[in-house]
């Protein structure tokens, strides 16, 4: 889930943060993780529930229209809570279309709702339709790789 605007969203996000930090995180944490980001200027810490996928030791997120996205820089680690386990990871924004196309199926494999939210059709083999991906990238979709140090 990407952070969206709207009066209800902050309550949904707060409930998800509580659930994902609780012993009851099990079912929800298969698709949603918590991402802790520190503001570059403010130093304020933000905790964002967001859809993810895994590829080897990397955690992958796809996000669009998020104000906090500019706070992700390769030299500043973020904290990700994935399935109840906190990990310090370094973000890398992936901009190459071929690489995004190769990695995005790892995000949508376990979370087709994320694909619909981002307006991405998924083929029977799990690949994302290239035309949809191009449009999403033009709208500001970003694929972020979160890697261990």
Protein backbone atom coordinates (compact mmCIF):
# COMPACT_ATOMS: atom_id res chain seq x y z
CA UNK A 1 0.00 0.00 0.00
CA UNK A 2 1.27 3.38 -0.82
CA UNK A 3 0.46 6.35 1.31
CA UNK A 4 -2.55 8.06 -0.19
CA UNK A 5 -4.26 11.22 0.80
CA UNK A 6 -7.71 11.34 2.26
CA UNK A 7 -9.31 11.77 5.65
CA UNK A 8 -9.68 8.04 6.28
CA UNK A 9 -6.16 7.04 5.23
CA UNK A 10 -4.39 8.25 8.38
CA UNK A 11 -6.71 6.09 10.52
CA UNK A 12 -6.20 3.05 8.28
CA UNK A 13 -2.41 3.57 8.39
CA UNK A 14 -2.47 3.93 12.20
CA UNK A 15 -4.46 0.70 12.58
CA UNK A 16 -2.10 -1.12 10.22
CA UNK A 17 0.97 0.13 12.12
CA UNK A 18 -0.52 -1.21 15.38
CA UNK A 19 -1.37 -4.58 13.83
CA UNK A 20 1.99 -4.98 12.10
CA UNK A 21 3.81 -4.30 15.38
CA UNK A 22 1.65 -6.73 17.34
CA UNK A 23 1.91 -10.51 17.74
CA UNK A 24 -1.13 -10.67 15.41
CA UNK A 25 0.86 -9.39 12.40
CA UNK A 26 0.98 -12.85 10.72
CA UNK A 27 -1.51 -12.68 7.85
CA UNK A 28 -1.12 -8.96 7.15
CA UNK A 29 2.68 -9.00 7.20
CA UNK A 30 2.86 -11.41 4.26
CA UNK A 31 1.88 -8.50 1.99
CA UNK A 32 2.46 -5.33 4.01
CA UNK A 33 5.56 -4.18 5.88
CA UNK A 34 6.46 -1.12 7.92
CA UNK A 35 9.03 1.26 6.50
CA UNK A 36 10.62 3.77 8.89
CA UNK A 37 12.03 6.82 7.13
CA UNK A 38 13.75 9.84 8.70
CA UNK A 39 13.07 13.26 7.21
CA UNK A 40 16.21 14.77 5.69
CA UNK A 41 15.50 18.28 6.97
CA UNK A 42 13.16 17.75 9.92
CA UNK A 43 14.81 14.65 11.37
CA UNK A 44 11.28 13.44 12.11
CA UNK A 45 10.71 9.69 11.87
CA UNK A 46 7.83 8.44 9.70
CA UNK A 47 6.49 4.88 9.77
CA UNK A 48 4.68 3.88 6.61
CA UNK A 49 2.75 0.65 6.00
CA UNK A 50 3.52 -0.40 2.42
CA UNK A 51 3.18 -3.40 0.10
CA UNK A 52 6.41 -5.24 -0.63
CA UNK A 53 7.99 -8.20 -2.34
CA UNK A 54 11.21 -10.05 -1.68
CA UNK A 55 13.96 -11.03 -4.08
CA UNK A 56 16.81 -12.88 -2.42
CA UNK A 57 18.02 -10.70 0.46
CA UNK A 58 16.40 -7.59 -1.01
CA UNK A 59 13.04 -6.10 -0.11
CA UNK A 60 11.29 -4.41 -3.03
CA UNK A 61 8.64 -1.70 -2.85
CA UNK A 62 6.73 0.09 -5.56
CA UNK A 63 5.37 3.49 -4.69
CA UNK A 64 3.94 6.53 -6.42
CA UNK A 65 2.95 9.99 -5.28
CA UNK A 66 4.48 9.72 -1.82
CA UNK A 67 5.80 12.87 -0.18
CA UNK A 68 8.33 10.88 1.85
CA UNK A 69 9.96 9.32 -1.23
CA UNK A 70 12.57 12.12 -1.50
CA UNK A 71 13.87 11.08 1.94
CA UNK A 72 15.17 7.79 0.54
CA UNK A 73 18.82 8.14 -0.39
CA UNK A 74 21.37 5.34 -0.88
CA UNK A 75 23.63 6.63 1.88
CA UNK A 76 20.96 6.76 4.62
CA UNK A 77 19.57 3.47 5.94
CA UNK A 78 15.90 2.90 6.63
CA UNK A 79 14.34 0.39 8.98
CA UNK A 80 11.96 -2.17 7.52
CA UNK A 81 9.80 -4.43 9.65
CA UNK A 82 9.10 -7.46 7.50
CA UNK A 83 7.04 -10.29 9.02
CA UNK A 84 7.73 -8.96 12.50
CA UNK A 85 11.50 -8.72 12.01
CA UNK A 86 13.24 -5.33 11.96
CA UNK A 87 16.06 -4.88 9.44
CA UNK A 88 18.29 -1.96 8.57
CA UNK A 89 18.42 -1.60 4.79
CA UNK A 90 19.76 0.85 2.22
CA UNK A 91 17.39 2.15 -0.46
CA UNK A 92 18.22 2.32 -4.14
CA UNK A 93 15.76 3.77 -6.64
CA UNK A 94 15.63 1.66 -9.80
CA UNK A 95 14.95 3.69 -12.94
CA UNK A 96 15.92 1.35 -15.78
CA UNK A 97 12.68 0.06 -17.33
CA UNK A 98 14.08 -3.42 -18.05
CA UNK A 99 15.25 -3.83 -14.45
CA UNK A 100 11.92 -2.55 -13.09
CA UNK A 101 10.10 -5.00 -15.39
CA UNK A 102 12.28 -7.86 -14.13
CA UNK A 103 11.82 -7.00 -10.43
CA UNK A 104 8.20 -5.83 -10.25
CA UNK A 105 6.75 -9.35 -10.53
CA UNK A 106 8.30 -10.08 -7.11
CA UNK A 107 6.10 -7.35 -5.62
CA UNK A 108 2.85 -8.33 -7.31
CA UNK A 109 3.31 -12.11 -7.01
CA UNK A 110 1.85 -12.18 -3.52
CA UNK A 111 -0.19 -9.02 -3.79
CA UNK A 112 -2.33 -8.61 -6.91
CA UNK A 113 -4.25 -5.80 -5.15
CA UNK A 114 -1.05 -3.74 -5.34
CA UNK A 115 -0.93 -4.28 -9.11
CA UNK A 116 -4.54 -3.10 -9.47
CA UNK A 117 -3.86 -0.08 -7.23
CA UNK A 118 -0.91 0.89 -9.45
CA UNK A 119 -2.98 0.13 -12.61
CA UNK A 120 -0.69 -2.67 -13.74
CA UNK A 121 -2.02 -5.71 -15.56
CA UNK A 122 -0.22 -8.93 -14.73
CA UNK A 123 0.19 -11.68 -17.30
CA UNK A 124 -0.36 -15.38 -16.60
CA UNK A 125 3.41 -15.79 -16.16
CA UNK A 126 3.45 -13.06 -13.48
CA UNK A 127 5.05 -10.42 -15.68
CA UNK A 128 3.73 -6.88 -15.70
CA UNK A 129 2.45 -5.58 -19.06
CA UNK A 130 5.12 -3.26 -20.44
CA UNK A 131 2.70 -0.58 -21.67
CA UNK A 132 1.11 -0.37 -18.21
CA UNK A 133 4.55 -0.22 -16.64
CA UNK A 134 5.65 2.62 -18.93
CA UNK A 135 2.51 4.61 -18.09
CA UNK A 136 2.99 3.97 -14.36
CA UNK A 137 6.63 5.07 -14.52
CA UNK A 138 5.57 8.23 -16.40
CA UNK A 139 3.01 8.89 -13.61
CA UNK A 140 5.81 8.71 -11.05
CA UNK A 141 5.85 5.06 -9.98
CA UNK A 142 9.16 4.25 -8.35
CA UNK A 143 10.65 0.86 -7.64
CA UNK A 144 12.87 0.92 -4.57
CA UNK A 145 15.31 -1.85 -3.74
CA UNK A 146 16.09 -2.11 -0.05
CA UNK A 147 19.41 -3.90 0.44
CA UNK A 148 21.35 -5.03 3.48
CA UNK A 149 24.64 -3.24 4.13
